[in-house]
């Protein structure tokens, strides 16, 4: 990525990532108002608002909504 230097093996992933550097964030979260550059990033974020935490830390047992 020319903006941050992150490398991608697939050009389509680079194209998706480059949208994160755009100033416009057209996908706001209805729960907290944080905005995202793609609908898939919004969907990933929305899991953080769910009460279910299916992923557990093997050391401390803390639950997480994402792996």
PDB file of N, CA and C in Angstrom:
ATOM      1  N   UNK A   1       0.847  -1.179   0.000  1.00  0.00           N
ATOM      2  CA  UNK A   1       0.000   0.000   0.000  1.00  0.00           C
ATOM      3  C   UNK A   1       0.894   1.244   0.000  1.00  0.00           C
ATOM      4  N   UNK A   2       0.697   2.130  -0.939  1.00  0.00           N
ATOM      5  CA  UNK A   2       1.511   3.344  -0.982  1.00  0.00           C
ATOM      6  C   UNK A   2       1.314   4.260   0.231  1.00  0.00           C
ATOM      7  N   UNK A   3       0.157   4.183   0.863  1.00  0.00           N
ATOM      8  CA  UNK A   3      -0.129   5.078   1.987  1.00  0.00           C
ATOM      9  C   UNK A   3       0.509   4.618   3.299  1.00  0.00           C
ATOM     10  N   UNK A   4       0.549   3.297   3.535  1.00  0.00           N
ATOM     11  CA  UNK A   4       1.043   2.816   4.832  1.00  0.00           C
ATOM     12  C   UNK A   4       2.135   1.762   4.740  1.00  0.00           C
ATOM     13  N   UNK A   5       2.389   1.241   3.541  1.00  0.00           N
ATOM     14  CA  UNK A   5       3.447   0.257   3.369  1.00  0.00           C
ATOM     15  C   UNK A   5       3.041  -1.183   3.604  1.00  0.00           C
ATOM     16  N   UNK A   6       1.791  -1.428   3.948  1.00  0.00           N
ATOM     17  CA  UNK A   6       1.330  -2.796   4.179  1.00  0.00           C
ATOM     18  C   UNK A   6       1.334  -3.556   2.856  1.00  0.00           C
ATOM     19  N   UNK A   7       1.793  -4.812   2.899  1.00  0.00           N
ATOM     20  CA  UNK A   7       1.903  -5.619   1.683  1.00  0.00           C
ATOM     21  C   UNK A   7       0.737  -6.602   1.569  1.00  0.00           C
ATOM     22  N   UNK A   8       0.305  -6.827   0.338  1.00  0.00           N
ATOM     23  CA  UNK A   8      -0.775  -7.767   0.048  1.00  0.00           C
ATOM     24  C   UNK A   8      -0.367  -8.648  -1.119  1.00  0.00           C
ATOM     25  N   UNK A   9      -0.650  -9.938  -1.020  1.00  0.00           N
ATOM     26  CA  UNK A   9      -0.333 -10.877  -2.087  1.00  0.00           C
ATOM     27  C   UNK A   9      -1.341 -10.800  -3.225  1.00  0.00           C
ATOM     28  N   UNK A  10      -2.522 -10.305  -2.924  1.00  0.00           N
ATOM     29  CA  UNK A  10      -3.606 -10.256  -3.904  1.00  0.00           C
ATOM     30  C   UNK A  10      -3.978  -8.799  -4.166  1.00  0.00           C
ATOM     31  N   UNK A  11      -4.050  -8.417  -5.438  1.00  0.00           N
ATOM     32  CA  UNK A  11      -4.345  -7.022  -5.783  1.00  0.00           C
ATOM     33  C   UNK A  11      -5.747  -6.597  -5.352  1.00  0.00           C
ATOM     34  N   UNK A  12      -6.692  -7.536  -5.307  1.00  0.00           N
ATOM     35  CA  UNK A  12      -8.042  -7.164  -4.875  1.00  0.00           C
ATOM     36  C   UNK A  12      -8.063  -6.841  -3.379  1.00  0.00           C
ATOM     37  N   UNK A  13      -7.248  -7.534  -2.597  1.00  0.00           N
ATOM     38  CA  UNK A  13      -7.157  -7.220  -1.167  1.00  0.00           C
ATOM     39  C   UNK A  13      -6.496  -5.865  -0.955  1.00  0.00           C
ATOM     40  N   UNK A  14      -5.507  -5.554  -1.771  1.00  0.00           N
ATOM     41  CA  UNK A  14      -4.877  -4.236  -1.694  1.00  0.00           C
ATOM     42  C   UNK A  14      -5.894  -3.153  -2.030  1.00  0.00           C
ATOM     43  N   UNK A  15      -6.681  -3.365  -3.071  1.00  0.00           N
ATOM     44  CA  UNK A  15      -7.688  -2.374  -3.467  1.00  0.00           C
ATOM     45  C   UNK A  15      -8.695  -2.146  -2.338  1.00  0.00           C
ATOM     46  N   UNK A  16      -9.126  -3.216  -1.686  1.00  0.00           N
ATOM     47  CA  UNK A  16     -10.067  -3.085  -0.566  1.00  0.00           C
ATOM     48  C   UNK A  16      -9.406  -2.339   0.591  1.00  0.00           C
ATOM     49  N   UNK A  17      -8.171  -2.688   0.890  1.00  0.00           N
ATOM     50  CA  UNK A  17      -7.450  -2.031   1.980  1.00  0.00           C
ATOM     51  C   UNK A  17      -7.258  -0.543   1.716  1.00  0.00           C
ATOM     52  N   UNK A  18      -6.965  -0.179   0.503  1.00  0.00           N
ATOM     53  CA  UNK A  18      -6.704   1.228   0.176  1.00  0.00           C
ATOM     54  C   UNK A  18      -7.901   2.111   0.488  1.00  0.00           C
ATOM     55  N   UNK A  19      -9.101   1.535   0.472  1.00  0.00           N
ATOM     56  CA  UNK A  19     -10.302   2.309   0.817  1.00  0.00           C
ATOM     57  C   UNK A  19     -10.285   2.771   2.268  1.00  0.00           C
ATOM     58  N   UNK A  20      -9.537   2.075   3.130  1.00  0.00           N
ATOM     59  CA  UNK A  20      -9.487   2.472   4.539  1.00  0.00           C
ATOM     60  C   UNK A  20      -8.794   3.817   4.717  1.00  0.00           C
ATOM     61  N   UNK A  21      -8.015   4.231   3.739  1.00  0.00           N
ATOM     62  CA  UNK A  21      -7.300   5.506   3.824  1.00  0.00           C
ATOM     63  C   UNK A  21      -8.118   6.677   3.285  1.00  0.00           C
ATOM     64  N   UNK A  22      -9.253   6.400   2.697  1.00  0.00           N
ATOM     65  CA  UNK A  22     -10.107   7.472   2.176  1.00  0.00           C
ATOM     66  C   UNK A  22     -10.758   8.231   3.327  1.00  0.00           C
ATOM     67  N   UNK A  23     -10.959   9.520   3.144  1.00  0.00           N
ATOM     68  CA  UNK A  23     -11.599  10.286   4.223  1.00  0.00           C
ATOM     69  C   UNK A  23     -13.082   9.948   4.415  1.00  0.00           C
ATOM     70  N   UNK A  24     -13.774   9.539   3.335  1.00  0.00           N
ATOM     71  CA  UNK A  24     -15.199   9.246   3.480  1.00  0.00           C
ATOM     72  C   UNK A  24     -15.399   7.826   4.014  1.00  0.00           C
ATOM     73  N   UNK A  25     -16.219   7.717   5.008  1.00  0.00           N
ATOM     74  CA  UNK A  25     -16.578   6.441   5.625  1.00  0.00           C
ATOM     75  C   UNK A  25     -18.098   6.352   5.544  1.00  0.00           C
ATOM     76  N   UNK A  26     -18.583   5.648   4.539  1.00  0.00           N
ATOM     77  CA  UNK A  26     -20.005   5.661   4.195  1.00  0.00           C
ATOM     78  C   UNK A  26     -20.859   4.637   4.931  1.00  0.00           C
ATOM     79  N   UNK A  27     -20.265   3.859   5.835  1.00  0.00           N
ATOM     80  CA  UNK A  27     -21.012   2.792   6.490  1.00  0.00           C
ATOM     81  C   UNK A  27     -20.958   2.968   8.010  1.00  0.00           C
ATOM     82  N   UNK A  28     -21.909   3.739   8.577  1.00  0.00           N
ATOM     83  CA  UNK A  28     -21.902   3.961  10.026  1.00  0.00           C
ATOM     84  C   UNK A  28     -22.530   2.795  10.796  1.00  0.00           C
ATOM     85  N   UNK A  29     -22.001   2.536  11.966  1.00  0.00           N
ATOM     86  CA  UNK A  29     -22.556   1.514  12.851  1.00  0.00           C
ATOM     87  C   UNK A  29     -23.795   2.093  13.536  1.00  0.00           C
ATOM     88  N   UNK A  30     -24.941   1.423  13.440  1.00  0.00           N
ATOM     89  CA  UNK A  30     -26.148   1.937  14.093  1.00  0.00           C
ATOM     90  C   UNK A  30     -26.087   1.832  15.618  1.00  0.00           C
ATOM     91  N   UNK A  31     -25.156   1.052  16.135  1.00  0.00           N
ATOM     92  CA  UNK A  31     -25.051   0.879  17.583  1.00  0.00           C
ATOM     93  C   UNK A  31     -24.195   1.947  18.254  1.00  0.00           C
ATOM     94  N   UNK A  32     -23.082   2.333  17.609  1.00  0.00           N
ATOM     95  CA  UNK A  32     -22.168   3.274  18.271  1.00  0.00           C
ATOM     96  C   UNK A  32     -21.806   4.487  17.422  1.00  0.00           C
ATOM     97  N   UNK A  33     -22.155   4.464  16.123  1.00  0.00           N
ATOM     98  CA  UNK A  33     -21.884   5.604  15.268  1.00  0.00           C
ATOM     99  C   UNK A  33     -20.537   5.593  14.574  1.00  0.00           C
ATOM    100  N   UNK A  34     -19.643   4.671  14.925  1.00  0.00           N
ATOM    101  CA  UNK A  34     -18.351   4.600  14.249  1.00  0.00           C
ATOM    102  C   UNK A  34     -18.591   4.256  12.784  1.00  0.00           C
ATOM    103  N   UNK A  35     -17.850   4.907  11.878  1.00  0.00           N
ATOM    104  CA  UNK A  35     -18.062   4.698  10.447  1.00  0.00           C
ATOM    105  C   UNK A  35     -16.916   3.919   9.822  1.00  0.00           C
ATOM    106  N   UNK A  36     -17.257   3.198   8.757  1.00  0.00           N
ATOM    107  CA  UNK A  36     -16.308   2.322   8.086  1.00  0.00           C
ATOM    108  C   UNK A  36     -16.330   2.561   6.587  1.00  0.00           C
ATOM    109  N   UNK A  37     -15.218   2.216   5.945  1.00  0.00           N
ATOM    110  CA  UNK A  37     -15.073   2.466   4.515  1.00  0.00           C
ATOM    111  C   UNK A  37     -15.723   1.388   3.660  1.00  0.00           C
ATOM    112  N   UNK A  38     -15.992   0.213   4.224  1.00  0.00           N
ATOM    113  CA  UNK A  38     -16.650  -0.856   3.475  1.00  0.00           C
ATOM    114  C   UNK A  38     -17.725  -1.504   4.347  1.00  0.00           C
ATOM    115  N   UNK A  39     -18.701  -2.103   3.693  1.00  0.00           N
ATOM    116  CA  UNK A  39     -19.765  -2.777   4.443  1.00  0.00           C
ATOM    117  C   UNK A  39     -19.225  -4.001   5.174  1.00  0.00           C
ATOM    118  N   UNK A  40     -18.217  -4.667   4.607  1.00  0.00           N
ATOM    119  CA  UNK A  40     -17.668  -5.845   5.287  1.00  0.00           C
ATOM    120  C   UNK A  40     -16.935  -5.458   6.566  1.00  0.00           C
ATOM    121  N   UNK A  41     -16.253  -4.312   6.583  1.00  0.00           N
ATOM    122  CA  UNK A  41     -15.609  -3.849   7.813  1.00  0.00           C
ATOM    123  C   UNK A  41     -16.663  -3.494   8.859  1.00  0.00           C
ATOM    124  N   UNK A  42     -17.775  -2.915   8.418  1.00  0.00           N
ATOM    125  CA  UNK A  42     -18.866  -2.610   9.344  1.00  0.00           C
ATOM    126  C   UNK A  42     -19.432  -3.897   9.938  1.00  0.00           C
ATOM    127  N   UNK A  43     -19.684  -4.903   9.108  1.00  0.00           N
ATOM    128  CA  UNK A  43     -20.238  -6.166   9.605  1.00  0.00           C
ATOM    129  C   UNK A  43     -19.293  -6.821  10.608  1.00  0.00           C
ATOM    130  N   UNK A  44     -17.998  -6.793  10.327  1.00  0.00           N
ATOM    131  CA  UNK A  44     -17.015  -7.351  11.256  1.00  0.00           C
ATOM    132  C   UNK A  44     -17.066  -6.599  12.592  1.00  0.00           C
ATOM    133  N   UNK A  45     -17.145  -5.282  12.524  1.00  0.00           N
ATOM    134  CA  UNK A  45     -17.213  -4.463  13.732  1.00  0.00           C
ATOM    135  C   UNK A  45     -18.483  -4.730  14.535  1.00  0.00           C
ATOM    136  N   UNK A  46     -19.608  -4.899  13.863  1.00  0.00           N
ATOM    137  CA  UNK A  46     -20.891  -5.057  14.563  1.00  0.00           C
ATOM    138  C   UNK A  46     -20.898  -6.261  15.488  1.00  0.00           C
ATOM    139  N   UNK A  47     -20.068  -7.264  15.220  1.00  0.00           N
ATOM    140  CA  UNK A  47     -19.977  -8.427  16.110  1.00  0.00           C
ATOM    141  C   UNK A  47     -19.496  -8.034  17.501  1.00  0.00           C
ATOM    142  N   UNK A  48     -18.768  -6.912  17.601  1.00  0.00           N
ATOM    143  CA  UNK A  48     -18.264  -6.494  18.911  1.00  0.00           C
ATOM    144  C   UNK A  48     -19.403  -6.066  19.833  1.00  0.00           C
ATOM    145  N   UNK A  49     -20.560  -5.746  19.275  1.00  0.00           N
ATOM    146  CA  UNK A  49     -21.704  -5.324  20.078  1.00  0.00           C
ATOM    147  C   UNK A  49     -22.584  -6.495  20.528  1.00  0.00           C
ATOM    148  N   UNK A  50     -22.328  -7.682  20.031  1.00  0.00           N
ATOM    149  CA  UNK A  50     -23.138  -8.844  20.396  1.00  0.00           C
ATOM    150  C   UNK A  50     -22.772  -9.333  21.793  1.00  0.00           C
ATOM    151  N   UNK A  51     -23.745  -9.845  22.528  1.00  0.00           N
ATOM    152  CA  UNK A  51     -23.433 -10.357  23.870  1.00  0.00           C
ATOM    153  C   UNK A  51     -22.624 -11.658  23.837  1.00  0.00           C
ATOM    154  N   UNK A  52     -22.743 -12.413  22.737  1.00  0.00           N
ATOM    155  CA  UNK A  52     -22.027 -13.679  22.640  1.00  0.00           C
ATOM    156  C   UNK A  52     -20.543 -13.421  22.397  1.00  0.00           C
ATOM    157  N   UNK A  53     -19.697 -14.140  23.119  1.00  0.00           N
ATOM    158  CA  UNK A  53     -18.248 -14.070  22.948  1.00  0.00           C
ATOM    159  C   UNK A  53     -17.745 -15.505  22.760  1.00  0.00           C
ATOM    160  N   UNK A  54     -17.854 -16.043  21.534  1.00  0.00           N
ATOM    161  CA  UNK A  54     -17.569 -17.463  21.317  1.00  0.00           C
ATOM    162  C   UNK A  54     -16.088 -17.842  21.366  1.00  0.00           C
ATOM    163  N   UNK A  55     -15.188 -16.880  21.283  1.00  0.00           N
ATOM    164  CA  UNK A  55     -13.761 -17.183  21.280  1.00  0.00           C
ATOM    165  C   UNK A  55     -13.174 -16.896  22.658  1.00  0.00           C
ATOM    166  N   UNK A  56     -12.525 -17.878  23.244  1.00  0.00           N
ATOM    167  CA  UNK A  56     -11.978 -17.762  24.599  1.00  0.00           C
ATOM    168  C   UNK A  56     -10.455 -17.826  24.583  1.00  0.00           C
ATOM    169  N   UNK A  57      -9.852 -17.023  25.425  1.00  0.00           N
ATOM    170  CA  UNK A  57      -8.408 -17.062  25.632  1.00  0.00           C
ATOM    171  C   UNK A  57      -8.087 -18.315  26.442  1.00  0.00           C
ATOM    172  N   UNK A  58      -7.146 -19.111  25.966  1.00  0.00           N
ATOM    173  CA  UNK A  58      -6.762 -20.328  26.669  1.00  0.00           C
ATOM    174  C   UNK A  58      -6.048 -20.067  27.980  1.00  0.00           C
ATOM    175  N   UNK A  59      -5.480 -18.881  28.142  1.00  0.00           N
ATOM    176  CA  UNK A  59      -4.742 -18.558  29.366  1.00  0.00           C
ATOM    177  C   UNK A  59      -5.638 -17.967  30.452  1.00  0.00           C
ATOM    178  N   UNK A  60      -6.442 -16.971  30.092  1.00  0.00           N
ATOM    179  CA  UNK A  60      -7.222 -16.268  31.123  1.00  0.00           C
ATOM    180  C   UNK A  60      -8.721 -16.554  31.058  1.00  0.00           C
ATOM    181  N   UNK A  61      -9.211 -17.130  29.943  1.00  0.00           N
ATOM    182  CA  UNK A  61     -10.624 -17.445  29.815  1.00  0.00           C
ATOM    183  C   UNK A  61     -11.501 -16.307  29.341  1.00  0.00           C
ATOM    184  N   UNK A  62     -10.915 -15.133  29.101  1.00  0.00           N
ATOM    185  CA  UNK A  62     -11.705 -13.987  28.640  1.00  0.00           C
ATOM    186  C   UNK A  62     -12.315 -14.293  27.273  1.00  0.00           C
ATOM    187  N   UNK A  63     -13.577 -13.867  27.070  1.00  0.00           N
ATOM    188  CA  UNK A  63     -14.270 -14.105  25.818  1.00  0.00           C
ATOM    189  C   UNK A  63     -14.120 -12.947  24.850  1.00  0.00           C
ATOM    190  N   UNK A  64     -14.101 -13.277  23.556  1.00  0.00           N
ATOM    191  CA  UNK A  64     -13.984 -12.283  22.492  1.00  0.00           C
ATOM    192  C   UNK A  64     -14.992 -12.597  21.399  1.00  0.00           C
ATOM    193  N   UNK A  65     -15.452 -11.560  20.721  1.00  0.00           N
ATOM    194  CA  UNK A  65     -16.431 -11.742  19.652  1.00  0.00           C
ATOM    195  C   UNK A  65     -15.770 -12.096  18.329  1.00  0.00           C
ATOM    196  N   UNK A  66     -14.464 -11.861  18.210  1.00  0.00           N
ATOM    197  CA  UNK A  66     -13.734 -12.153  16.974  1.00  0.00           C
ATOM    198  C   UNK A  66     -12.464 -12.920  17.302  1.00  0.00           C
ATOM    199  N   UNK A  67     -12.041 -13.743  16.365  1.00  0.00           N
ATOM    200  CA  UNK A  67     -10.811 -14.506  16.538  1.00  0.00           C
ATOM    201  C   UNK A  67      -9.634 -13.691  16.090  1.00  0.00           C
TER     202      UNK A  67
END
